[in-house]
Amino acid sequence: MNQKHYLFSYGTLQLANVQLETYGRLLSGEKDRLKYYKLDKLQITDAEVLRKSGKEFHPIAVKTNSPDDCMEGTVFEISDEELLQTDQYEVSDYKRVLETFDSGKQAWVYVAQA
């Protein structure tokens, strides 16, 4: 059975070329917000990720626990296989966690390793 997942992207997974390279299709999604996080920058050294994104620095979400911090992005619906493909795309500096967004949806988001 192929379960559906929600995935929140605040960075390069919102780019059409990255979606096509990673999933073989364009994703559709809805704008959403996540509280208690802020964005930082991460230098990417993985050659394949650099090739796909064309960007040396990617944003990375850092949990602050401050209600004043919030980040915006897009919640996409993806399959089990696409979730695994996302795990491969995200470098080891990120970890996948399940969070609840302003819309009330629960979605996976890749954040800084603690």
PDB file of N, CA and C in Angstrom:
ATOM      1  N   MET A   1       0.847  -1.189   0.000  1.00  0.00           N
ATOM      2  CA  MET A   1       0.000   0.000   0.000  1.00  0.00           C
ATOM      3  C   MET A   1       0.887   1.246   0.000  1.00  0.00           C
ATOM      4  N   ASN A   2       0.540   2.179  -0.830  1.00  0.00           N
ATOM      5  CA  ASN A   2       1.325   3.397  -0.919  1.00  0.00           C
ATOM      6  C   ASN A   2       0.627   4.500  -0.140  1.00  0.00           C
ATOM      7  N   GLN A   3       1.190   4.820   1.002  1.00  0.00           N
ATOM      8  CA  GLN A   3       0.616   5.835   1.876  1.00  0.00           C
ATOM      9  C   GLN A   3       0.969   7.231   1.361  1.00  0.00           C
ATOM     10  N   LYS A   4       0.076   8.177   1.603  1.00  0.00           N
ATOM     11  CA  LYS A   4       0.363   9.562   1.257  1.00  0.00           C
ATOM     12  C   LYS A   4       0.991  10.255   2.461  1.00  0.00           C
ATOM     13  N   HIS A   5       1.925  11.117   2.181  1.00  0.00           N
ATOM     14  CA  HIS A   5       2.596  11.893   3.222  1.00  0.00           C
ATOM     15  C   HIS A   5       2.522  13.366   2.856  1.00  0.00           C
ATOM     16  N   TYR A   6       2.585  14.198   3.878  1.00  0.00           N
ATOM     17  CA  TYR A   6       2.744  15.630   3.642  1.00  0.00           C
ATOM     18  C   TYR A   6       4.188  15.992   3.937  1.00  0.00           C
ATOM     19  N   LEU A   7       4.755  16.816   3.081  1.00  0.00           N
ATOM     20  CA  LEU A   7       6.146  17.257   3.204  1.00  0.00           C
ATOM     21  C   LEU A   7       6.183  18.770   3.120  1.00  0.00           C
ATOM     22  N   PHE A   8       6.784  19.403   4.119  1.00  0.00           N
ATOM     23  CA  PHE A   8       6.925  20.860   4.128  1.00  0.00           C
ATOM     24  C   PHE A   8       8.290  21.222   3.578  1.00  0.00           C
ATOM     25  N   SER A   9       8.289  22.063   2.552  1.00  0.00           N
ATOM     26  CA  SER A   9       9.546  22.556   1.986  1.00  0.00           C
ATOM     27  C   SER A   9       9.640  24.053   2.169  1.00  0.00           C
ATOM     28  N   TYR A  10      10.793  24.498   2.657  1.00  0.00           N
ATOM     29  CA  TYR A  10      11.076  25.917   2.815  1.00  0.00           C
ATOM     30  C   TYR A  10      12.296  26.318   1.983  1.00  0.00           C
ATOM     31  N   GLY A  11      12.772  25.384   1.148  1.00  0.00           N
ATOM     32  CA  GLY A  11      13.996  25.641   0.398  1.00  0.00           C
ATOM     33  C   GLY A  11      13.964  25.076  -1.002  1.00  0.00           C
ATOM     34  N   THR A  12      15.023  24.354  -1.353  1.00  0.00           N
ATOM     35  CA  THR A  12      15.251  23.955  -2.746  1.00  0.00           C
ATOM     36  C   THR A  12      14.233  22.953  -3.286  1.00  0.00           C
ATOM     37  N   LEU A  13      13.532  22.227  -2.428  1.00  0.00           N
ATOM     38  CA  LEU A  13      12.514  21.298  -2.927  1.00  0.00           C
ATOM     39  C   LEU A  13      11.298  22.019  -3.500  1.00  0.00           C
ATOM     40  N   GLN A  14      11.257  23.343  -3.375  1.00  0.00           N
ATOM     41  CA  GLN A  14      10.199  24.117  -4.016  1.00  0.00           C
ATOM     42  C   GLN A  14      10.556  24.440  -5.470  1.00  0.00           C
ATOM     43  N   LEU A  15      11.825  24.204  -5.858  1.00  0.00           N
ATOM     44  CA  LEU A  15      12.290  24.514  -7.215  1.00  0.00           C
ATOM     45  C   LEU A  15      11.852  23.433  -8.192  1.00  0.00           C
ATOM     46  N   ALA A  16      11.308  23.855  -9.329  1.00  0.00           N
ATOM     47  CA  ALA A  16      10.795  22.908 -10.325  1.00  0.00           C
ATOM     48  C   ALA A  16      11.874  21.931 -10.784  1.00  0.00           C
ATOM     49  N   ASN A  17      13.083  22.417 -11.053  1.00  0.00           N
ATOM     50  CA  ASN A  17      14.136  21.517 -11.547  1.00  0.00           C
ATOM     51  C   ASN A  17      14.521  20.475 -10.495  1.00  0.00           C
ATOM     52  N   VAL A  18      14.515  20.845  -9.222  1.00  0.00           N
ATOM     53  CA  VAL A  18      14.843  19.885  -8.156  1.00  0.00           C
ATOM     54  C   VAL A  18      13.728  18.840  -8.043  1.00  0.00           C
ATOM     55  N   GLN A  19      12.478  19.256  -8.157  1.00  0.00           N
ATOM     56  CA  GLN A  19      11.358  18.302  -8.108  1.00  0.00           C
ATOM     57  C   GLN A  19      11.436  17.322  -9.274  1.00  0.00           C
ATOM     58  N   LEU A  20      11.687  17.826 -10.462  1.00  0.00           N
ATOM     59  CA  LEU A  20      11.773  16.953 -11.636  1.00  0.00           C
ATOM     60  C   LEU A  20      12.929  15.970 -11.511  1.00  0.00           C
ATOM     61  N   GLU A  21      14.075  16.428 -11.029  1.00  0.00           N
ATOM     62  CA  GLU A  21      15.248  15.558 -10.865  1.00  0.00           C
ATOM     63  C   GLU A  21      15.034  14.526  -9.754  1.00  0.00           C
ATOM     64  N   THR A  22      14.358  14.923  -8.685  1.00  0.00           N
ATOM     65  CA  THR A  22      14.200  14.053  -7.519  1.00  0.00           C
ATOM     66  C   THR A  22      13.026  13.102  -7.660  1.00  0.00           C
ATOM     67  N   TYR A  23      11.891  13.597  -8.177  1.00  0.00           N
ATOM     68  CA  TYR A  23      10.661  12.802  -8.219  1.00  0.00           C
ATOM     69  C   TYR A  23      10.189  12.453  -9.629  1.00  0.00           C
ATOM     70  N   GLY A  24      10.740  13.102 -10.635  1.00  0.00           N
ATOM     71  CA  GLY A  24      10.282  12.875 -12.003  1.00  0.00           C
ATOM     72  C   GLY A  24       8.956  13.542 -12.312  1.00  0.00           C
ATOM     73  N   ARG A  25       8.534  14.456 -11.444  1.00  0.00           N
ATOM     74  CA  ARG A  25       7.274  15.177 -11.661  1.00  0.00           C
ATOM     75  C   ARG A  25       7.319  16.479 -10.864  1.00  0.00           C
ATOM     76  N   LEU A  26       6.391  17.377 -11.204  1.00  0.00           N
ATOM     77  CA  LEU A  26       6.219  18.601 -10.417  1.00  0.00           C
ATOM     78  C   LEU A  26       5.205  18.329  -9.315  1.00  0.00           C
ATOM     79  N   LEU A  27       5.498  18.796  -8.126  1.00  0.00           N
ATOM     80  CA  LEU A  27       4.601  18.615  -6.986  1.00  0.00           C
ATOM     81  C   LEU A  27       3.622  19.779  -6.915  1.00  0.00           C
ATOM     82  N   SER A  28       2.439  19.515  -6.391  1.00  0.00           N
ATOM     83  CA  SER A  28       1.507  20.611  -6.115  1.00  0.00           C
ATOM     84  C   SER A  28       1.361  20.698  -4.604  1.00  0.00           C
ATOM     85  N   GLY A  29       1.217  21.919  -4.129  1.00  0.00           N
ATOM     86  CA  GLY A  29       1.135  22.092  -2.690  1.00  0.00           C
ATOM     87  C   GLY A  29       0.461  23.388  -2.310  1.00  0.00           C
ATOM     88  N   GLU A  30       0.387  23.603  -1.010  1.00  0.00           N
ATOM     89  CA  GLU A  30      -0.243  24.795  -0.462  1.00  0.00           C
ATOM     90  C   GLU A  30       0.717  25.479   0.490  1.00  0.00           C
ATOM     91  N   LYS A  31       0.677  26.805   0.472  1.00  0.00           N
ATOM     92  CA  LYS A  31       1.515  27.590   1.371  1.00  0.00           C
ATOM     93  C   LYS A  31       1.116  27.312   2.817  1.00  0.00           C
ATOM     94  N   ASP A  32       2.112  27.304   3.713  1.00  0.00           N
ATOM     95  CA  ASP A  32       1.842  27.085   5.126  1.00  0.00           C
ATOM     96  C   ASP A  32       2.968  27.707   5.932  1.00  0.00           C
ATOM     97  N   ARG A  33       2.783  27.728   7.246  1.00  0.00           N
ATOM     98  CA  ARG A  33       3.794  28.319   8.136  1.00  0.00           C
ATOM     99  C   ARG A  33       4.049  27.396   9.322  1.00  0.00           C
ATOM    100  N   LEU A  34       5.273  27.449   9.828  1.00  0.00           N
ATOM    101  CA  LEU A  34       5.672  26.645  10.982  1.00  0.00           C
ATOM    102  C   LEU A  34       6.284  27.569  12.023  1.00  0.00           C
ATOM    103  N   LYS A  35       5.703  27.536  13.214  1.00  0.00           N
ATOM    104  CA  LYS A  35       6.197  28.364  14.316  1.00  0.00           C
ATOM    105  C   LYS A  35       7.335  27.644  15.052  1.00  0.00           C
ATOM    106  N   TYR A  36       8.081  28.434  15.831  1.00  0.00           N
ATOM    107  CA  TYR A  36       9.158  27.949  16.708  1.00  0.00           C
ATOM    108  C   TYR A  36      10.404  27.514  15.953  1.00  0.00           C
ATOM    109  N   TYR A  37      10.527  27.941  14.698  1.00  0.00           N
ATOM    110  CA  TYR A  37      11.723  27.663  13.901  1.00  0.00           C
ATOM    111  C   TYR A  37      12.185  28.932  13.219  1.00  0.00           C
ATOM    112  N   LYS A  38      13.491  29.000  12.946  1.00  0.00           N
ATOM    113  CA  LYS A  38      14.031  30.068  12.108  1.00  0.00           C
ATOM    114  C   LYS A  38      14.956  29.424  11.078  1.00  0.00           C
ATOM    115  N   LEU A  39      15.235  30.165  10.014  1.00  0.00           N
ATOM    116  CA  LEU A  39      16.096  29.643   8.960  1.00  0.00           C
ATOM    117  C   LEU A  39      17.535  30.093   9.155  1.00  0.00           C
ATOM    118  N   ASP A  40      18.434  29.173   8.904  1.00  0.00           N
ATOM    119  CA  ASP A  40      19.856  29.449   8.877  1.00  0.00           C
ATOM    120  C   ASP A  40      20.354  28.983   7.509  1.00  0.00           C
ATOM    121  N   LYS A  41      21.661  29.097   7.259  1.00  0.00           N
ATOM    122  CA  LYS A  41      22.229  28.641   5.986  1.00  0.00           C
ATOM    123  C   LYS A  41      23.188  27.494   6.236  1.00  0.00           C
ATOM    124  N   LEU A  42      23.193  26.554   5.300  1.00  0.00           N
ATOM    125  CA  LEU A  42      24.072  25.392   5.367  1.00  0.00           C
ATOM    126  C   LEU A  42      24.843  25.304   4.056  1.00  0.00           C
ATOM    127  N   GLN A  43      26.163  25.168   4.145  1.00  0.00           N
ATOM    128  CA  GLN A  43      26.966  24.998   2.939  1.00  0.00           C
ATOM    129  C   GLN A  43      26.876  23.539   2.512  1.00  0.00           C
ATOM    130  N   ILE A  44      26.521  23.324   1.253  1.00  0.00           N
ATOM    131  CA  ILE A  44      26.347  21.980   0.705  1.00  0.00           C
ATOM    132  C   ILE A  44      27.636  21.554   0.006  1.00  0.00           C
ATOM    133  N   THR A  45      28.085  20.339   0.313  1.00  0.00           N
ATOM    134  CA  THR A  45      29.294  19.814  -0.317  1.00  0.00           C
ATOM    135  C   THR A  45      29.005  18.560  -1.142  1.00  0.00           C
ATOM    136  N   ASP A  46      27.796  17.994  -1.010  1.00  0.00           N
ATOM    137  CA  ASP A  46      27.415  16.802  -1.756  1.00  0.00           C
ATOM    138  C   ASP A  46      27.263  17.168  -3.238  1.00  0.00           C
ATOM    139  N   ALA A  47      28.069  16.542  -4.099  1.00  0.00           N
ATOM    140  CA  ALA A  47      28.115  16.903  -5.521  1.00  0.00           C
ATOM    141  C   ALA A  47      26.770  16.728  -6.211  1.00  0.00           C
ATOM    142  N   GLU A  48      26.035  15.655  -5.893  1.00  0.00           N
ATOM    143  CA  GLU A  48      24.752  15.391  -6.544  1.00  0.00           C
ATOM    144  C   GLU A  48      23.710  16.443  -6.145  1.00  0.00           C
ATOM    145  N   VAL A  49      23.684  16.806  -4.869  1.00  0.00           N
ATOM    146  CA  VAL A  49      22.736  17.824  -4.400  1.00  0.00           C
ATOM    147  C   VAL A  49      23.091  19.181  -5.014  1.00  0.00           C
ATOM    148  N   LEU A  50      24.379  19.486  -5.087  1.00  0.00           N
ATOM    149  CA  LEU A  50      24.825  20.734  -5.730  1.00  0.00           C
ATOM    150  C   LEU A  50      24.389  20.770  -7.197  1.00  0.00           C
ATOM    151  N   ARG A  51      24.524  19.644  -7.880  1.00  0.00           N
ATOM    152  CA  ARG A  51      24.141  19.568  -9.291  1.00  0.00           C
ATOM    153  C   ARG A  51      22.641  19.804  -9.457  1.00  0.00           C
ATOM    154  N   LYS A  52      21.835  19.153  -8.609  1.00  0.00           N
ATOM    155  CA  LYS A  52      20.382  19.281  -8.726  1.00  0.00           C
ATOM    156  C   LYS A  52      19.902  20.688  -8.401  1.00  0.00           C
ATOM    157  N   SER A  53      20.423  21.257  -7.326  1.00  0.00           N
ATOM    158  CA  SER A  53      19.898  22.552  -6.871  1.00  0.00           C
ATOM    159  C   SER A  53      20.594  23.740  -7.522  1.00  0.00           C
ATOM    160  N   GLY A  54      21.862  23.557  -7.902  1.00  0.00           N
ATOM    161  CA  GLY A  54      22.632  24.669  -8.440  1.00  0.00           C
ATOM    162  C   GLY A  54      22.980  25.701  -7.389  1.00  0.00           C
ATOM    163  N   LYS A  55      22.822  25.342  -6.120  1.00  0.00           N
ATOM    164  CA  LYS A  55      23.056  26.291  -5.026  1.00  0.00           C
ATOM    165  C   LYS A  55      24.041  25.701  -4.013  1.00  0.00           C
ATOM    166  N   GLU A  56      25.058  26.492  -3.670  1.00  0.00           N
ATOM    167  CA  GLU A  56      26.055  26.039  -2.698  1.00  0.00           C
ATOM    168  C   GLU A  56      25.519  26.125  -1.272  1.00  0.00           C
ATOM    169  N   PHE A  57      24.639  27.089  -1.026  1.00  0.00           N
ATOM    170  CA  PHE A  57      24.072  27.251   0.314  1.00  0.00           C
ATOM    171  C   PHE A  57      22.578  26.963   0.265  1.00  0.00           C
ATOM    172  N   HIS A  58      22.128  26.103   1.172  1.00  0.00           N
ATOM    173  CA  HIS A  58      20.709  25.779   1.290  1.00  0.00           C
ATOM    174  C   HIS A  58      20.223  26.294   2.643  1.00  0.00           C
ATOM    175  N   PRO A  59      18.947  26.679   2.716  1.00  0.00           N
ATOM    176  CA  PRO A  59      18.411  27.035   4.033  1.00  0.00           C
ATOM    177  C   PRO A  59      18.280  25.780   4.893  1.00  0.00           C
ATOM    178  N   ILE A  60      18.388  25.964   6.194  1.00  0.00           N
ATOM    179  CA  ILE A  60      18.177  24.861   7.132  1.00  0.00           C
ATOM    180  C   ILE A  60      17.371  25.398   8.312  1.00  0.00           C
ATOM    181  N   ALA A  61      16.352  24.648   8.708  1.00  0.00           N
ATOM    182  CA  ALA A  61      15.467  25.053   9.805  1.00  0.00           C
ATOM    183  C   ALA A  61      16.109  24.690  11.137  1.00  0.00           C
ATOM    184  N   VAL A  62      16.103  25.650  12.049  1.00  0.00           N
ATOM    185  CA  VAL A  62      16.656  25.455  13.387  1.00  0.00           C
ATOM    186  C   VAL A  62      15.535  25.720  14.394  1.00  0.00           C
ATOM    187  N   LYS A  63      15.274  24.744  15.268  1.00  0.00           N
ATOM    188  CA  LYS A  63      14.213  24.907  16.271  1.00  0.00           C
ATOM    189  C   LYS A  63      14.678  25.879  17.345  1.00  0.00           C
ATOM    190  N   THR A  64      13.840  26.879  17.631  1.00  0.00           N
ATOM    191  CA  THR A  64      14.198  27.902  18.615  1.00  0.00           C
ATOM    192  C   THR A  64      13.306  27.846  19.852  1.00  0.00           C
ATOM    193  N   ASN A  65      12.125  27.245  19.729  1.00  0.00           N
ATOM    194  CA  ASN A  65      11.104  27.224  20.781  1.00  0.00           C
ATOM    195  C   ASN A  65      10.577  28.615  21.115  1.00  0.00           C
ATOM    196  N   SER A  66      10.891  29.611  20.290  1.00  0.00           N
ATOM    197  CA  SER A  66      10.395  30.969  20.504  1.00  0.00           C
ATOM    198  C   SER A  66       9.140  31.198  19.666  1.00  0.00           C
ATOM    199  N   PRO A  67       8.044  31.644  20.287  1.00  0.00           N
ATOM    200  CA  PRO A  67       6.817  31.901  19.532  1.00  0.00           C
ATOM    201  C   PRO A  67       6.971  33.048  18.533  1.00  0.00           C
ATOM    202  N   ASP A  68       8.040  33.836  18.665  1.00  0.00           N
ATOM    203  CA  ASP A  68       8.292  34.936  17.731  1.00  0.00           C
ATOM    204  C   ASP A  68       8.885  34.437  16.419  1.00  0.00           C
ATOM    205  N   ASP A  69       9.422  33.220  16.409  1.00  0.00           N
ATOM    206  CA  ASP A  69      10.061  32.682  15.202  1.00  0.00           C
ATOM    207  C   ASP A  69       9.059  31.870  14.386  1.00  0.00           C
ATOM    208  N   CYS A  70       9.152  32.029  13.081  1.00  0.00           N
ATOM    209  CA  CYS A  70       8.222  31.377  12.174  1.00  0.00           C
ATOM    210  C   CYS A  70       8.873  31.308  10.800  1.00  0.00           C
ATOM    211  N   MET A  71       8.622  30.234  10.068  1.00  0.00           N
ATOM    212  CA  MET A  71       9.119  30.145   8.697  1.00  0.00           C
ATOM    213  C   MET A  71       7.979  29.749   7.774  1.00  0.00           C
ATOM    214  N   GLU A  72       8.091  30.226   6.536  1.00  0.00           N
ATOM    215  CA  GLU A  72       7.061  29.977   5.544  1.00  0.00           C
ATOM    216  C   GLU A  72       7.585  29.027   4.485  1.00  0.00           C
ATOM    217  N   GLY A  73       6.663  28.277   3.905  1.00  0.00           N
ATOM    218  CA  GLY A  73       7.034  27.343   2.851  1.00  0.00           C
ATOM    219  C   GLY A  73       5.785  26.750   2.234  1.00  0.00           C
ATOM    220  N   THR A  74       5.947  25.560   1.668  1.00  0.00           N
ATOM    221  CA  THR A  74       4.857  24.883   0.974  1.00  0.00           C
ATOM    222  C   THR A  74       4.739  23.451   1.468  1.00  0.00           C
ATOM    223  N   VAL A  75       3.507  23.017   1.722  1.00  0.00           N
ATOM    224  CA  VAL A  75       3.240  21.622   2.081  1.00  0.00           C
ATOM    225  C   VAL A  75       2.821  20.885   0.809  1.00  0.00           C
ATOM    226  N   PHE A  76       3.598  19.850   0.467  1.00  0.00           N
ATOM    227  CA  PHE A  76       3.334  19.023  -0.706  1.00  0.00           C
ATOM    228  C   PHE A  76       2.837  17.664  -0.272  1.00  0.00           C
ATOM    229  N   GLU A  77       2.023  17.024  -1.132  1.00  0.00           N
ATOM    230  CA  GLU A  77       1.597  15.650  -0.891  1.00  0.00           C
ATOM    231  C   GLU A  77       2.500  14.743  -1.714  1.00  0.00           C
ATOM    232  N   ILE A  78       3.128  13.767  -1.042  1.00  0.00           N
ATOM    233  CA  ILE A  78       4.052  12.851  -1.721  1.00  0.00           C
ATOM    234  C   ILE A  78       3.755  11.414  -1.304  1.00  0.00           C
ATOM    235  N   SER A  79       4.339  10.468  -2.041  1.00  0.00           N
ATOM    236  CA  SER A  79       4.138   9.038  -1.784  1.00  0.00           C
ATOM    237  C   SER A  79       5.243   8.496  -0.870  1.00  0.00           C
ATOM    238  N   ASP A  80       5.089   7.226  -0.458  1.00  0.00           N
ATOM    239  CA  ASP A  80       6.134   6.545   0.328  1.00  0.00           C
ATOM    240  C   ASP A  80       7.475   6.601  -0.402  1.00  0.00           C
ATOM    241  N   GLU A  81       7.445   6.242  -1.678  1.00  0.00           N
ATOM    242  CA  GLU A  81       8.679   6.217  -2.470  1.00  0.00           C
ATOM    243  C   GLU A  81       9.303   7.613  -2.565  1.00  0.00           C
ATOM    244  N   GLU A  82       8.456   8.621  -2.750  1.00  0.00           N
ATOM    245  CA  GLU A  82       8.975   9.993  -2.844  1.00  0.00           C
ATOM    246  C   GLU A  82       9.549  10.472  -1.515  1.00  0.00           C
ATOM    247  N   LEU A  83       8.992   9.995  -0.404  1.00  0.00           N
ATOM    248  CA  LEU A  83       9.552  10.341   0.906  1.00  0.00           C
ATOM    249  C   LEU A  83      10.966   9.770   1.028  1.00  0.00           C
ATOM    250  N   LEU A  84      11.161   8.532   0.568  1.00  0.00           N
ATOM    251  CA  LEU A  84      12.496   7.921   0.584  1.00  0.00           C
ATOM    252  C   LEU A  84      13.450   8.674  -0.355  1.00  0.00           C
ATOM    253  N   GLN A  85      12.933   9.122  -1.504  1.00  0.00           N
ATOM    254  CA  GLN A  85      13.758   9.901  -2.430  1.00  0.00           C
ATOM    255  C   GLN A  85      14.172  11.234  -1.794  1.00  0.00           C
ATOM    256  N   THR A  86      13.273  11.804  -0.992  1.00  0.00           N
ATOM    257  CA  THR A  86      13.598  13.051  -0.290  1.00  0.00           C
ATOM    258  C   THR A  86      14.681  12.794   0.748  1.00  0.00           C
ATOM    259  N   ASP A  87      14.573  11.664   1.454  1.00  0.00           N
ATOM    260  CA  ASP A  87      15.614  11.307   2.433  1.00  0.00           C
ATOM    261  C   ASP A  87      16.985  11.242   1.764  1.00  0.00           C
ATOM    262  N   GLN A  88      17.027  10.734   0.545  1.00  0.00           N
ATOM    263  CA  GLN A  88      18.303  10.627  -0.178  1.00  0.00           C
ATOM    264  C   GLN A  88      18.808  11.993  -0.625  1.00  0.00           C
ATOM    265  N   TYR A  89      17.895  12.886  -0.973  1.00  0.00           N
ATOM    266  CA  TYR A  89      18.269  14.226  -1.436  1.00  0.00           C
ATOM    267  C   TYR A  89      18.831  15.064  -0.287  1.00  0.00           C
ATOM    268  N   GLU A  90      18.211  14.968   0.872  1.00  0.00           N
ATOM    269  CA  GLU A  90      18.641  15.782   2.011  1.00  0.00           C
ATOM    270  C   GLU A  90      19.936  15.216   2.590  1.00  0.00           C
ATOM    271  N   VAL A  91      20.929  16.086   2.763  1.00  0.00           N
ATOM    272  CA  VAL A  91      22.220  15.632   3.276  1.00  0.00           C
ATOM    273  C   VAL A  91      22.126  15.336   4.769  1.00  0.00           C
ATOM    274  N   SER A  92      23.168  14.720   5.317  1.00  0.00           N
ATOM    275  CA  SER A  92      23.132  14.214   6.691  1.00  0.00           C
ATOM    276  C   SER A  92      23.047  15.306   7.758  1.00  0.00           C
ATOM    277  N   ASP A  93      23.197  16.574   7.376  1.00  0.00           N
ATOM    278  CA  ASP A  93      23.048  17.665   8.339  1.00  0.00           C
ATOM    279  C   ASP A  93      21.585  17.862   8.734  1.00  0.00           C
ATOM    280  N   TYR A  94      20.670  17.277   7.955  1.00  0.00           N
ATOM    281  CA  TYR A  94      19.238  17.402   8.210  1.00  0.00           C
ATOM    282  C   TYR A  94      18.701  16.124   8.847  1.00  0.00           C
ATOM    283  N   LYS A  95      17.637  16.281   9.641  1.00  0.00           N
ATOM    284  CA  LYS A  95      16.871  15.121  10.110  1.00  0.00           C
ATOM    285  C   LYS A  95      15.403  15.407   9.819  1.00  0.00           C
ATOM    286  N   ARG A  96      14.635  14.340   9.603  1.00  0.00           N
ATOM    287  CA  ARG A  96      13.210  14.479   9.278  1.00  0.00           C
ATOM    288  C   ARG A  96      12.394  14.351  10.551  1.00  0.00           C
ATOM    289  N   VAL A  97      11.532  15.351  10.808  1.00  0.00           N
ATOM    290  CA  VAL A  97      10.646  15.334  11.969  1.00  0.00           C
ATOM    291  C   VAL A  97       9.224  15.661  11.523  1.00  0.00           C
ATOM    292  N   LEU A  98       8.258  15.202  12.294  1.00  0.00           N
ATOM    293  CA  LEU A  98       6.849  15.479  12.026  1.00  0.00           C
ATOM    294  C   LEU A  98       6.423  16.653  12.894  1.00  0.00           C
ATOM    295  N   GLU A  99       5.882  17.695  12.260  1.00  0.00           N
ATOM    296  CA  GLU A  99       5.451  18.888  12.986  1.00  0.00           C
ATOM    297  C   GLU A  99       4.030  19.246  12.568  1.00  0.00           C
ATOM    298  N   THR A 100       3.381  20.096  13.373  1.00  0.00           N
ATOM    299  CA  THR A 100       2.038  20.586  13.070  1.00  0.00           C
ATOM    300  C   THR A 100       2.145  22.041  12.633  1.00  0.00           C
ATOM    301  N   PHE A 101       1.475  22.371  11.539  1.00  0.00           N
ATOM    302  CA  PHE A 101       1.594  23.673  10.896  1.00  0.00           C
ATOM    303  C   PHE A 101       0.395  24.561  11.203  1.00  0.00           C
ATOM    304  N   ASP A 102       0.488  25.841  10.817  1.00  0.00           N
ATOM    305  CA  ASP A 102      -0.591  26.798  11.067  1.00  0.00           C
ATOM    306  C   ASP A 102      -1.931  26.306  10.534  1.00  0.00           C
ATOM    307  N   SER A 103      -1.904  25.567   9.410  1.00  0.00           N
ATOM    308  CA  SER A 103      -3.134  25.055   8.805  1.00  0.00           C
ATOM    309  C   SER A 103      -3.762  23.930   9.630  1.00  0.00           C
ATOM    310  N   GLY A 104      -2.989  23.387  10.588  1.00  0.00           N
ATOM    311  CA  GLY A 104      -3.445  22.235  11.355  1.00  0.00           C
ATOM    312  C   GLY A 104      -2.934  20.919  10.787  1.00  0.00           C
ATOM    313  N   LYS A 105      -2.361  20.960   9.571  1.00  0.00           N
ATOM    314  CA  LYS A 105      -1.808  19.749   8.952  1.00  0.00           C
ATOM    315  C   LYS A 105      -0.546  19.322   9.682  1.00  0.00           C
ATOM    316  N   GLN A 106      -0.358  18.002   9.708  1.00  0.00           N
ATOM    317  CA  GLN A 106       0.918  17.457  10.168  1.00  0.00           C
ATOM    318  C   GLN A 106       1.710  17.084   8.934  1.00  0.00           C
ATOM    319  N   ALA A 107       2.976  17.498   8.906  1.00  0.00           N
ATOM    320  CA  ALA A 107       3.815  17.227   7.740  1.00  0.00           C
ATOM    321  C   ALA A 107       5.236  16.959   8.194  1.00  0.00           C
ATOM    322  N   TRP A 108       5.953  16.216   7.360  1.00  0.00           N
ATOM    323  CA  TRP A 108       7.373  16.006   7.583  1.00  0.00           C
ATOM    324  C   TRP A 108       8.121  17.280   7.207  1.00  0.00           C
ATOM    325  N   VAL A 109       9.157  17.590   7.962  1.00  0.00           N
ATOM    326  CA  VAL A 109      10.018  18.735   7.649  1.00  0.00           C
ATOM    327  C   VAL A 109      11.449  18.336   8.002  1.00  0.00           C
ATOM    328  N   TYR A 110      12.386  18.763   7.175  1.00  0.00           N
ATOM    329  CA  TYR A 110      13.796  18.470   7.422  1.00  0.00           C
ATOM    330  C   TYR A 110      14.405  19.647   8.146  1.00  0.00           C
ATOM    331  N   VAL A 111      14.965  19.353   9.327  1.00  0.00           N
ATOM    332  CA  VAL A 111      15.502  20.386  10.198  1.00  0.00           C
ATOM    333  C   VAL A 111      16.943  20.049  10.572  1.00  0.00           C
ATOM    334  N   ALA A 112      17.606  20.995  11.210  1.00  0.00           N
ATOM    335  CA  ALA A 112      19.002  20.798  11.613  1.00  0.00           C
ATOM    336  C   ALA A 112      19.107  19.657  12.616  1.00  0.00           C
ATOM    337  N   GLN A 113      20.140  18.832  12.441  1.00  0.00           N
ATOM    338  CA  GLN A 113      20.441  17.803  13.444  1.00  0.00           C
ATOM    339  C   GLN A 113      20.722  18.502  14.769  1.00  0.00           C
ATOM    340  N   ALA A 114      20.195  17.973  15.847  1.00  0.00           N
ATOM    341  CA  ALA A 114      20.407  18.611  17.158  1.00  0.00           C
ATOM    342  C   ALA A 114      21.803  18.341  17.671  1.00  0.00           C
TER     343      ALA A 114
END
